[in-house]
N, C-alpha and C. Protein backbone atom coordinates (compact mmCIF):
# COMPACT_ATOMS: atom_id res chain seq x y z
N UNK A 1 118.25 99.10 82.94
CA UNK A 1 117.31 100.14 82.56
C UNK A 1 115.89 99.71 82.94
N UNK A 2 115.10 100.69 83.27
CA UNK A 2 113.72 100.46 83.70
C UNK A 2 112.77 100.69 82.52
N UNK A 3 112.04 99.67 82.06
CA UNK A 3 111.08 99.90 80.98
C UNK A 3 109.87 100.68 81.48
N UNK A 4 109.51 101.75 80.75
CA UNK A 4 108.36 102.58 81.09
C UNK A 4 107.56 102.76 79.81
N UNK A 5 106.29 102.36 79.84
CA UNK A 5 105.44 102.45 78.65
C UNK A 5 104.91 103.87 78.52
N UNK A 6 105.03 104.42 77.31
CA UNK A 6 104.62 105.80 77.05
C UNK A 6 103.74 105.84 75.81
N UNK A 7 102.70 106.66 75.86
CA UNK A 7 101.96 106.99 74.65
C UNK A 7 101.65 108.48 74.69
N UNK A 8 101.74 109.10 73.53
CA UNK A 8 101.44 110.52 73.41
C UNK A 8 100.43 110.73 72.29
N UNK A 9 99.73 111.84 72.37
CA UNK A 9 98.90 112.32 71.26
C UNK A 9 99.40 113.70 70.94
N UNK A 10 99.44 114.03 69.66
CA UNK A 10 100.07 115.26 69.21
C UNK A 10 99.19 116.02 68.22
N UNK A 11 99.62 117.23 67.89
CA UNK A 11 98.87 118.04 66.92
C UNK A 11 99.40 117.85 65.50
N UNK A 12 100.27 116.88 65.31
CA UNK A 12 100.84 116.61 63.99
C UNK A 12 101.97 115.61 64.11
N UNK A 13 102.76 115.51 63.06
CA UNK A 13 103.81 114.49 63.00
C UNK A 13 105.22 115.04 63.20
N UNK A 14 105.37 116.36 63.28
CA UNK A 14 106.69 116.96 63.40
C UNK A 14 106.95 117.36 64.85
N UNK A 15 107.92 116.73 65.51
CA UNK A 15 108.15 117.01 66.93
C UNK A 15 108.65 118.43 67.21
N UNK A 16 109.17 119.11 66.20
CA UNK A 16 109.67 120.47 66.39
C UNK A 16 108.54 121.49 66.31
N UNK A 17 107.63 121.32 65.36
CA UNK A 17 106.60 122.34 65.13
C UNK A 17 105.24 121.98 65.73
N UNK A 18 105.02 120.71 66.01
CA UNK A 18 103.70 120.25 66.47
C UNK A 18 103.72 119.99 67.98
N UNK A 19 102.57 120.16 68.60
CA UNK A 19 102.47 120.12 70.07
C UNK A 19 102.18 118.73 70.61
N UNK A 20 102.71 118.48 71.79
CA UNK A 20 102.26 117.36 72.62
C UNK A 20 100.92 117.78 73.20
N UNK A 21 99.89 116.95 73.06
CA UNK A 21 98.56 117.28 73.58
C UNK A 21 98.13 116.37 74.73
N UNK A 22 98.62 115.15 74.74
CA UNK A 22 98.33 114.19 75.82
C UNK A 22 99.56 113.31 76.02
N UNK A 23 99.73 112.87 77.24
CA UNK A 23 100.77 111.87 77.53
C UNK A 23 100.24 110.94 78.61
N UNK A 24 100.55 109.67 78.46
CA UNK A 24 100.21 108.67 79.49
C UNK A 24 101.41 107.76 79.65
N UNK A 25 101.67 107.39 80.89
CA UNK A 25 102.79 106.52 81.24
C UNK A 25 102.27 105.37 82.08
N UNK A 26 102.70 104.17 81.75
CA UNK A 26 102.35 102.99 82.53
C UNK A 26 103.64 102.39 83.05
N UNK A 27 103.72 102.28 84.36
CA UNK A 27 104.85 101.59 84.99
C UNK A 27 104.53 100.10 85.01
N UNK A 28 105.55 99.27 85.07
CA UNK A 28 105.37 97.83 85.01
C UNK A 28 105.77 97.19 86.34
N UNK A 29 105.06 96.12 86.67
CA UNK A 29 105.33 95.35 87.89
C UNK A 29 105.61 93.91 87.49
N UNK A 30 106.13 93.16 88.45
CA UNK A 30 106.34 91.72 88.26
C UNK A 30 105.48 91.00 89.29
N UNK A 31 104.67 90.05 88.83
CA UNK A 31 103.79 89.33 89.75
C UNK A 31 104.56 88.23 90.49
N UNK A 32 103.87 87.50 91.35
CA UNK A 32 104.54 86.47 92.16
C UNK A 32 105.03 85.28 91.35
N UNK A 33 104.63 85.18 90.07
CA UNK A 33 105.13 84.11 89.19
C UNK A 33 106.31 84.59 88.34
N UNK A 34 106.70 85.85 88.55
CA UNK A 34 107.81 86.40 87.79
C UNK A 34 107.41 86.95 86.43
N UNK A 35 106.10 87.15 86.23
CA UNK A 35 105.62 87.66 84.94
C UNK A 35 105.40 89.18 85.02
N UNK A 36 105.66 89.82 83.91
CA UNK A 36 105.48 91.26 83.81
C UNK A 36 104.00 91.59 83.70
N UNK A 37 103.57 92.68 84.37
CA UNK A 37 102.17 93.11 84.29
C UNK A 37 102.12 94.63 84.39
N UNK A 38 101.09 95.26 83.77
CA UNK A 38 100.94 96.71 83.89
C UNK A 38 100.70 97.11 85.33
N UNK A 39 101.26 98.25 85.70
CA UNK A 39 101.12 98.77 87.05
C UNK A 39 100.50 100.16 87.05
N UNK A 40 101.07 101.05 87.82
CA UNK A 40 100.53 102.40 87.99
C UNK A 40 100.53 103.18 86.68
N UNK A 41 99.48 103.98 86.50
CA UNK A 41 99.32 104.81 85.30
C UNK A 41 99.24 106.27 85.73
N UNK A 42 99.97 107.12 85.01
CA UNK A 42 99.78 108.57 85.19
C UNK A 42 99.58 109.17 83.80
N UNK A 43 98.76 110.21 83.75
CA UNK A 43 98.48 110.83 82.45
C UNK A 43 98.15 112.30 82.64
N UNK A 44 98.22 113.01 81.53
CA UNK A 44 97.90 114.44 81.58
C UNK A 44 97.53 114.93 80.19
N UNK A 45 96.62 115.90 80.17
CA UNK A 45 96.38 116.69 78.97
C UNK A 45 97.37 117.84 79.02
N UNK A 46 97.89 118.22 77.87
CA UNK A 46 98.96 119.22 77.81
C UNK A 46 98.53 120.42 76.99
N UNK A 47 98.83 121.62 77.51
CA UNK A 47 98.58 122.85 76.75
C UNK A 47 99.58 122.91 75.60
N UNK A 48 99.10 123.22 74.39
CA UNK A 48 100.05 123.38 73.28
C UNK A 48 101.00 124.55 73.56
N UNK A 49 102.24 124.42 73.16
CA UNK A 49 103.18 125.53 73.32
C UNK A 49 102.80 126.67 72.38
N UNK A 50 103.26 127.86 72.69
CA UNK A 50 102.92 129.04 71.91
C UNK A 50 103.28 128.85 70.44
N UNK A 51 102.34 129.13 69.58
CA UNK A 51 102.54 129.11 68.13
C UNK A 51 102.75 127.70 67.56
N UNK A 52 102.33 126.69 68.30
CA UNK A 52 102.45 125.30 67.80
C UNK A 52 101.56 125.12 66.58
N UNK A 53 102.03 124.34 65.64
CA UNK A 53 101.25 123.99 64.45
C UNK A 53 100.16 123.00 64.83
N UNK A 54 98.96 123.22 64.34
CA UNK A 54 97.84 122.32 64.60
C UNK A 54 97.36 121.74 63.28
N UNK A 55 97.71 120.51 63.01
CA UNK A 55 97.32 119.85 61.78
C UNK A 55 95.88 119.37 61.92
N UNK A 56 94.95 119.88 61.10
CA UNK A 56 93.54 119.48 61.23
C UNK A 56 93.32 117.97 61.11
N UNK A 57 94.11 117.30 60.26
CA UNK A 57 93.96 115.84 60.10
C UNK A 57 94.32 115.11 61.39
N UNK A 58 95.40 115.53 62.02
CA UNK A 58 95.82 114.90 63.28
C UNK A 58 94.76 115.12 64.36
N UNK A 59 94.24 116.33 64.44
CA UNK A 59 93.22 116.63 65.45
C UNK A 59 91.94 115.85 65.19
N UNK A 60 91.62 115.63 63.92
CA UNK A 60 90.44 114.83 63.57
C UNK A 60 90.64 113.38 64.01
N UNK A 61 91.83 112.85 63.79
CA UNK A 61 92.11 111.46 64.17
C UNK A 61 92.02 111.28 65.69
N UNK A 62 92.61 112.21 66.44
CA UNK A 62 92.62 112.07 67.90
C UNK A 62 91.33 112.53 68.55
N UNK A 63 90.60 113.40 67.86
CA UNK A 63 89.37 113.96 68.45
C UNK A 63 89.66 115.00 69.53
N UNK A 64 90.88 115.50 69.57
CA UNK A 64 91.27 116.47 70.60
C UNK A 64 90.99 117.89 70.10
N UNK A 65 90.33 118.67 70.93
CA UNK A 65 90.18 120.11 70.69
C UNK A 65 91.12 120.80 71.67
N UNK A 66 92.29 121.26 71.21
CA UNK A 66 93.28 121.83 72.12
C UNK A 66 92.78 123.03 72.92
N UNK A 67 91.78 123.73 72.42
CA UNK A 67 91.28 124.91 73.11
C UNK A 67 90.11 124.64 74.05
N UNK A 68 89.67 123.40 74.13
CA UNK A 68 88.51 123.07 74.95
C UNK A 68 88.87 123.24 76.43
N UNK A 69 88.17 124.13 77.15
CA UNK A 69 88.58 124.45 78.53
C UNK A 69 88.44 123.29 79.51
N UNK A 70 87.55 122.34 79.25
CA UNK A 70 87.35 121.23 80.20
C UNK A 70 88.35 120.08 79.98
N UNK A 71 89.35 120.32 79.13
CA UNK A 71 90.45 119.35 79.01
C UNK A 71 91.34 119.41 80.25
N UNK A 72 91.29 120.53 80.95
CA UNK A 72 92.15 120.75 82.12
C UNK A 72 93.61 120.49 81.77
N UNK A 73 94.02 121.07 80.66
CA UNK A 73 95.39 120.90 80.18
C UNK A 73 96.36 121.68 81.06
N UNK A 74 97.56 121.13 81.17
CA UNK A 74 98.62 121.66 82.03
C UNK A 74 99.77 122.08 81.12
N UNK A 75 100.51 123.13 81.47
CA UNK A 75 101.67 123.52 80.66
C UNK A 75 102.67 122.37 80.51
N UNK A 76 103.27 122.32 79.34
CA UNK A 76 104.19 121.25 78.96
C UNK A 76 105.31 121.06 80.00
N UNK A 77 105.94 122.16 80.43
CA UNK A 77 107.05 122.06 81.37
C UNK A 77 106.60 121.44 82.70
N UNK A 78 105.42 121.81 83.16
CA UNK A 78 104.89 121.26 84.42
C UNK A 78 104.62 119.76 84.29
N UNK A 79 104.06 119.36 83.16
CA UNK A 79 103.77 117.94 82.92
C UNK A 79 105.07 117.13 82.92
N UNK A 80 106.07 117.61 82.17
CA UNK A 80 107.34 116.90 82.11
C UNK A 80 107.99 116.80 83.49
N UNK A 81 107.96 117.88 84.22
CA UNK A 81 108.53 117.89 85.57
C UNK A 81 107.86 116.84 86.46
N UNK A 82 106.53 116.80 86.44
CA UNK A 82 105.77 115.84 87.25
C UNK A 82 106.08 114.40 86.84
N UNK A 83 106.04 114.14 85.56
CA UNK A 83 106.27 112.78 85.05
C UNK A 83 107.72 112.35 85.31
N UNK A 84 108.66 113.23 85.06
CA UNK A 84 110.07 112.87 85.26
C UNK A 84 110.36 112.59 86.73
N UNK A 85 109.76 113.36 87.62
CA UNK A 85 109.96 113.10 89.05
C UNK A 85 109.41 111.73 89.44
N UNK A 86 108.25 111.37 88.88
CA UNK A 86 107.66 110.06 89.18
C UNK A 86 108.57 108.95 88.63
N UNK A 87 109.08 109.14 87.42
CA UNK A 87 109.97 108.13 86.85
C UNK A 87 111.23 108.00 87.71
N UNK A 88 111.77 109.13 88.16
CA UNK A 88 112.98 109.09 89.00
C UNK A 88 112.73 108.33 90.29
N UNK A 89 111.52 108.45 90.84
CA UNK A 89 111.16 107.68 92.05
C UNK A 89 111.22 106.18 91.76
N UNK A 90 110.68 105.78 90.60
CA UNK A 90 110.73 104.35 90.21
C UNK A 90 112.16 103.91 89.92
N UNK A 91 112.97 104.78 89.31
CA UNK A 91 114.36 104.42 89.05
C UNK A 91 115.09 104.13 90.36
N UNK A 92 114.89 104.99 91.34
CA UNK A 92 115.52 104.77 92.65
C UNK A 92 115.01 103.49 93.31
N UNK A 93 113.70 103.30 93.25
CA UNK A 93 113.09 102.11 93.87
C UNK A 93 113.67 100.82 93.28
N UNK A 94 113.89 100.81 91.97
CA UNK A 94 114.36 99.59 91.30
C UNK A 94 115.87 99.61 91.03
N UNK A 95 116.55 100.63 91.57
CA UNK A 95 117.99 100.77 91.45
C UNK A 95 118.45 100.71 89.99
N UNK A 96 117.76 101.51 89.17
CA UNK A 96 118.09 101.60 87.74
C UNK A 96 118.70 102.96 87.44
N UNK A 97 119.53 103.02 86.42
CA UNK A 97 120.19 104.28 86.02
C UNK A 97 119.28 105.13 85.13
N UNK A 98 118.59 104.49 84.19
CA UNK A 98 117.78 105.19 83.19
C UNK A 98 116.50 104.42 82.93
N UNK A 99 115.52 105.18 82.45
CA UNK A 99 114.30 104.55 81.95
C UNK A 99 114.48 104.31 80.45
N UNK A 100 113.93 103.24 79.98
CA UNK A 100 113.90 103.00 78.53
C UNK A 100 112.44 103.11 78.11
N UNK A 101 112.20 103.96 77.12
CA UNK A 101 110.84 104.20 76.66
C UNK A 101 110.34 102.99 75.88
N UNK A 102 109.19 102.48 76.30
CA UNK A 102 108.51 101.39 75.60
C UNK A 102 107.31 102.03 74.92
N UNK A 103 107.18 101.83 73.62
CA UNK A 103 106.04 102.41 72.92
C UNK A 103 105.74 101.67 71.64
N UNK A 104 104.58 101.97 71.09
CA UNK A 104 104.22 101.41 69.79
C UNK A 104 104.67 102.44 68.77
N UNK A 105 105.73 102.13 68.03
CA UNK A 105 106.48 103.10 67.22
C UNK A 105 107.16 104.09 68.18
N UNK A 106 107.97 103.54 69.06
CA UNK A 106 108.57 104.27 70.18
C UNK A 106 109.41 105.46 69.75
N UNK A 107 110.03 105.39 68.60
CA UNK A 107 110.86 106.51 68.12
C UNK A 107 110.04 107.79 68.06
N UNK A 108 108.75 107.69 67.69
CA UNK A 108 107.87 108.85 67.56
C UNK A 108 107.68 109.52 68.93
N UNK A 109 107.34 108.71 69.93
CA UNK A 109 107.12 109.24 71.28
C UNK A 109 108.40 109.87 71.83
N UNK A 110 109.52 109.19 71.65
CA UNK A 110 110.79 109.70 72.16
C UNK A 110 111.17 111.01 71.48
N UNK A 111 110.96 111.12 70.18
CA UNK A 111 111.30 112.35 69.45
C UNK A 111 110.49 113.54 69.98
N UNK A 112 109.21 113.33 70.25
CA UNK A 112 108.37 114.42 70.77
C UNK A 112 108.77 114.80 72.20
N UNK A 113 109.09 113.81 73.00
CA UNK A 113 109.52 114.11 74.37
C UNK A 113 110.85 114.86 74.35
N UNK A 114 111.77 114.44 73.51
CA UNK A 114 113.06 115.13 73.42
C UNK A 114 112.89 116.57 72.92
N UNK A 115 111.99 116.79 71.98
CA UNK A 115 111.73 118.15 71.49
C UNK A 115 111.12 119.02 72.60
N UNK A 116 110.23 118.43 73.39
CA UNK A 116 109.61 119.17 74.50
C UNK A 116 110.65 119.50 75.57
N UNK A 117 111.56 118.58 75.83
CA UNK A 117 112.64 118.82 76.80
C UNK A 117 113.48 120.02 76.35
N UNK A 118 113.79 120.05 75.08
CA UNK A 118 114.58 121.15 74.53
C UNK A 118 113.81 122.47 74.62
N UNK A 119 112.53 122.44 74.24
CA UNK A 119 111.69 123.65 74.29
C UNK A 119 111.61 124.20 75.71
N UNK A 120 111.47 123.30 76.67
CA UNK A 120 111.31 123.69 78.07
C UNK A 120 112.65 123.95 78.75
N UNK A 121 113.74 123.75 78.02
CA UNK A 121 115.10 123.97 78.52
C UNK A 121 115.37 123.18 79.81
N UNK A 122 114.89 121.93 79.80
CA UNK A 122 115.17 121.05 80.93
C UNK A 122 116.59 120.51 80.78
N UNK A 123 117.25 120.33 81.90
CA UNK A 123 118.66 119.92 81.87
C UNK A 123 118.84 118.42 81.65
N UNK A 124 117.85 117.63 82.05
CA UNK A 124 118.04 116.19 81.92
C UNK A 124 116.70 115.48 81.70
N UNK A 125 116.83 114.25 81.27
CA UNK A 125 115.67 113.39 81.04
C UNK A 125 115.96 112.05 81.70
N UNK A 126 114.93 111.43 82.29
CA UNK A 126 115.16 110.10 82.86
C UNK A 126 115.26 109.02 81.78
N UNK A 127 114.85 109.35 80.55
CA UNK A 127 114.86 108.37 79.46
C UNK A 127 116.23 108.27 78.80
N UNK A 128 116.59 107.05 78.42
CA UNK A 128 117.79 106.87 77.61
C UNK A 128 117.59 107.67 76.34
N UNK A 129 118.66 108.28 75.84
CA UNK A 129 118.53 109.22 74.73
C UNK A 129 118.24 108.57 73.38
N UNK A 130 118.51 107.28 73.22
CA UNK A 130 118.21 106.66 71.92
C UNK A 130 117.71 105.23 72.01
N UNK A 131 117.89 104.55 73.11
CA UNK A 131 117.41 103.18 73.23
C UNK A 131 115.93 103.18 73.56
N UNK A 132 115.17 102.40 72.81
CA UNK A 132 113.74 102.23 73.07
C UNK A 132 113.40 100.75 72.90
N UNK A 133 112.24 100.38 73.41
CA UNK A 133 111.68 99.05 73.15
C UNK A 133 110.37 99.29 72.39
N UNK A 134 110.32 98.80 71.17
CA UNK A 134 109.22 99.11 70.27
C UNK A 134 108.29 97.91 70.09
N UNK A 135 107.05 98.06 70.57
CA UNK A 135 106.09 96.96 70.46
C UNK A 135 105.67 96.71 69.02
N UNK A 136 105.75 97.71 68.15
CA UNK A 136 105.43 97.48 66.74
C UNK A 136 106.41 96.48 66.14
N UNK A 137 107.69 96.66 66.45
CA UNK A 137 108.72 95.75 65.95
C UNK A 137 108.60 94.37 66.60
N UNK A 138 108.47 94.36 67.93
CA UNK A 138 108.35 93.08 68.64
C UNK A 138 107.13 92.29 68.16
N UNK A 139 106.00 92.97 68.00
CA UNK A 139 104.78 92.29 67.55
C UNK A 139 104.91 91.81 66.11
N UNK A 140 105.64 92.55 65.29
CA UNK A 140 105.87 92.10 63.91
C UNK A 140 106.61 90.77 63.89
N UNK A 141 107.64 90.69 64.73
CA UNK A 141 108.47 89.48 64.77
C UNK A 141 107.71 88.32 65.41
N UNK A 142 107.06 88.58 66.56
CA UNK A 142 106.47 87.48 67.34
C UNK A 142 105.03 87.14 66.95
N UNK A 143 104.29 88.13 66.39
CA UNK A 143 102.88 87.89 66.09
C UNK A 143 102.52 88.09 64.63
N UNK A 144 103.45 88.64 63.85
CA UNK A 144 103.17 88.91 62.44
C UNK A 144 102.26 90.12 62.23
N UNK A 145 102.13 90.97 63.22
CA UNK A 145 101.29 92.18 63.12
C UNK A 145 102.06 93.37 63.68
N UNK A 146 101.91 94.54 63.02
CA UNK A 146 102.58 95.73 63.55
C UNK A 146 101.62 96.86 63.90
N UNK A 147 100.35 96.74 63.56
CA UNK A 147 99.34 97.72 63.94
C UNK A 147 98.86 97.35 65.35
N UNK A 148 98.77 98.34 66.24
CA UNK A 148 98.45 98.05 67.64
C UNK A 148 97.16 97.24 67.80
N UNK A 149 96.10 97.64 67.14
CA UNK A 149 94.81 96.94 67.27
C UNK A 149 94.92 95.49 66.81
N UNK A 150 95.62 95.27 65.70
CA UNK A 150 95.75 93.90 65.16
C UNK A 150 96.69 93.05 66.00
N UNK A 151 97.76 93.68 66.50
CA UNK A 151 98.70 92.96 67.37
C UNK A 151 98.00 92.56 68.67
N UNK A 152 97.20 93.48 69.22
CA UNK A 152 96.44 93.17 70.44
C UNK A 152 95.50 91.99 70.18
N UNK A 153 94.82 92.02 69.06
CA UNK A 153 93.89 90.93 68.72
C UNK A 153 94.65 89.60 68.60
N UNK A 154 95.81 89.63 67.97
CA UNK A 154 96.62 88.41 67.83
C UNK A 154 97.08 87.88 69.19
N UNK A 155 97.19 88.79 70.16
CA UNK A 155 97.61 88.39 71.52
C UNK A 155 96.42 88.15 72.44
N UNK A 156 95.20 88.13 71.87
CA UNK A 156 93.96 87.96 72.64
C UNK A 156 93.77 89.04 73.70
N UNK A 157 94.15 90.26 73.35
CA UNK A 157 93.94 91.43 74.21
C UNK A 157 92.78 92.22 73.61
N UNK A 158 91.77 92.49 74.41
CA UNK A 158 90.63 93.25 73.89
C UNK A 158 91.10 94.63 73.44
N UNK A 159 90.51 95.12 72.35
CA UNK A 159 90.89 96.43 71.83
C UNK A 159 89.66 97.07 71.20
N UNK A 160 89.28 98.23 71.72
CA UNK A 160 88.12 98.98 71.24
C UNK A 160 88.63 100.12 70.37
N UNK A 161 88.46 100.00 69.05
CA UNK A 161 89.00 101.02 68.14
C UNK A 161 88.36 102.39 68.36
N UNK A 162 87.18 102.44 68.97
CA UNK A 162 86.56 103.74 69.24
C UNK A 162 87.26 104.48 70.38
N UNK A 163 88.06 103.76 71.16
CA UNK A 163 88.82 104.40 72.25
C UNK A 163 90.26 104.68 71.88
N UNK A 164 90.69 104.20 70.71
CA UNK A 164 92.06 104.39 70.26
C UNK A 164 92.34 105.87 70.03
N UNK A 165 93.60 106.22 70.01
CA UNK A 165 94.07 107.60 69.83
C UNK A 165 93.73 108.47 71.03
N UNK A 166 93.64 107.83 72.17
CA UNK A 166 93.65 108.50 73.47
C UNK A 166 94.92 108.00 74.13
N UNK A 167 95.74 108.90 74.64
CA UNK A 167 97.03 108.48 75.19
C UNK A 167 96.87 107.44 76.28
N UNK A 168 95.89 107.63 77.15
CA UNK A 168 95.75 106.70 78.27
C UNK A 168 95.29 105.31 77.78
N UNK A 169 94.37 105.27 76.83
CA UNK A 169 93.91 103.97 76.31
C UNK A 169 95.04 103.27 75.56
N UNK A 170 95.71 103.99 74.67
CA UNK A 170 96.78 103.37 73.89
C UNK A 170 97.96 102.95 74.77
N UNK A 171 98.26 103.73 75.81
CA UNK A 171 99.34 103.34 76.72
C UNK A 171 98.98 102.05 77.46
N UNK A 172 97.73 101.96 77.92
CA UNK A 172 97.29 100.73 78.61
C UNK A 172 97.41 99.52 77.69
N UNK A 173 96.95 99.66 76.45
CA UNK A 173 96.98 98.54 75.51
C UNK A 173 98.41 98.20 75.09
N UNK A 174 99.24 99.22 74.94
CA UNK A 174 100.65 98.99 74.62
C UNK A 174 101.33 98.26 75.78
N UNK A 175 101.01 98.65 77.00
CA UNK A 175 101.58 97.98 78.17
C UNK A 175 101.14 96.51 78.22
N UNK A 176 99.86 96.27 77.99
CA UNK A 176 99.37 94.88 77.98
C UNK A 176 100.08 94.07 76.90
N UNK A 177 100.24 94.67 75.72
CA UNK A 177 100.91 93.97 74.62
C UNK A 177 102.37 93.71 74.95
N UNK A 178 103.07 94.71 75.48
CA UNK A 178 104.48 94.53 75.84
C UNK A 178 104.64 93.42 76.87
N UNK A 179 103.81 93.43 77.89
CA UNK A 179 103.87 92.38 78.92
C UNK A 179 103.62 91.01 78.30
N UNK A 180 102.62 90.92 77.43
CA UNK A 180 102.33 89.66 76.75
C UNK A 180 103.56 89.17 75.98
N UNK A 181 104.17 90.07 75.21
CA UNK A 181 105.30 89.68 74.37
C UNK A 181 106.51 89.26 75.20
N UNK A 182 106.80 90.02 76.26
CA UNK A 182 107.93 89.67 77.13
C UNK A 182 107.66 88.36 77.84
N UNK A 183 106.45 88.21 78.37
CA UNK A 183 106.09 86.97 79.07
C UNK A 183 106.09 85.78 78.12
N UNK A 184 105.69 85.99 76.88
CA UNK A 184 105.70 84.93 75.87
C UNK A 184 107.13 84.46 75.62
N UNK A 185 108.05 85.38 75.47
CA UNK A 185 109.44 84.98 75.22
C UNK A 185 110.05 84.35 76.47
N UNK A 186 109.68 84.85 77.63
CA UNK A 186 110.18 84.25 78.89
C UNK A 186 109.67 82.83 79.02
N UNK A 187 108.38 82.61 78.74
CA UNK A 187 107.79 81.28 78.81
C UNK A 187 108.47 80.34 77.82
N UNK A 188 108.70 80.83 76.60
CA UNK A 188 109.34 79.99 75.58
C UNK A 188 110.77 79.61 75.97
N UNK A 189 111.49 80.54 76.58
CA UNK A 189 112.86 80.24 77.03
C UNK A 189 112.85 79.21 78.15
N UNK A 190 111.93 79.39 79.13
CA UNK A 190 111.93 78.47 80.28
C UNK A 190 111.41 77.09 79.90
N UNK A 191 110.54 76.99 78.88
CA UNK A 191 110.02 75.68 78.50
C UNK A 191 111.06 74.87 77.73
N UNK A 192 112.08 75.55 77.18
CA UNK A 192 113.15 74.85 76.46
C UNK A 192 114.24 74.36 77.39
N UNK A 193 114.23 74.83 78.64
CA UNK A 193 115.29 74.44 79.59
C UNK A 193 115.10 73.04 80.10
């Protein structure tokens, strides 16, 4: 499976009634030392689906105004189509069957993507239907922190809380954290050999 880092911003906590408003995806590369590193990033602002619930608290946290015309938001189905095609290109390149969603509280991102797939009546998803890699869990075990900002700090990754709750910023930081955690375990395994 191909790990793909995903972060979304939404209009609430319910994947059925609340809208996807932003999505960012970070693909991962391996450097010449065999270490994982963040690679290409794609992102999009998303138009809320018709009659989506807009939780004022969620919108306050993210700072997103779904109706703001300069967001250049794209319909949900078009965004999914574009992102899934890009993921399929990476799957072919790396000879993988499925992508596995990597996220901070990955179940949340996967639930919203699956709800959007159903809403848009898409026939398939490049993501495994239930397997995820969760940086909140990994960071809890390896660093003793499960909040993204605190886990990043424990891993000596810069984190600007004023930029948090933007899909692209959080995806970048989640990717950096995931790479750090994977590389840390790889280093620990090879140093014991």
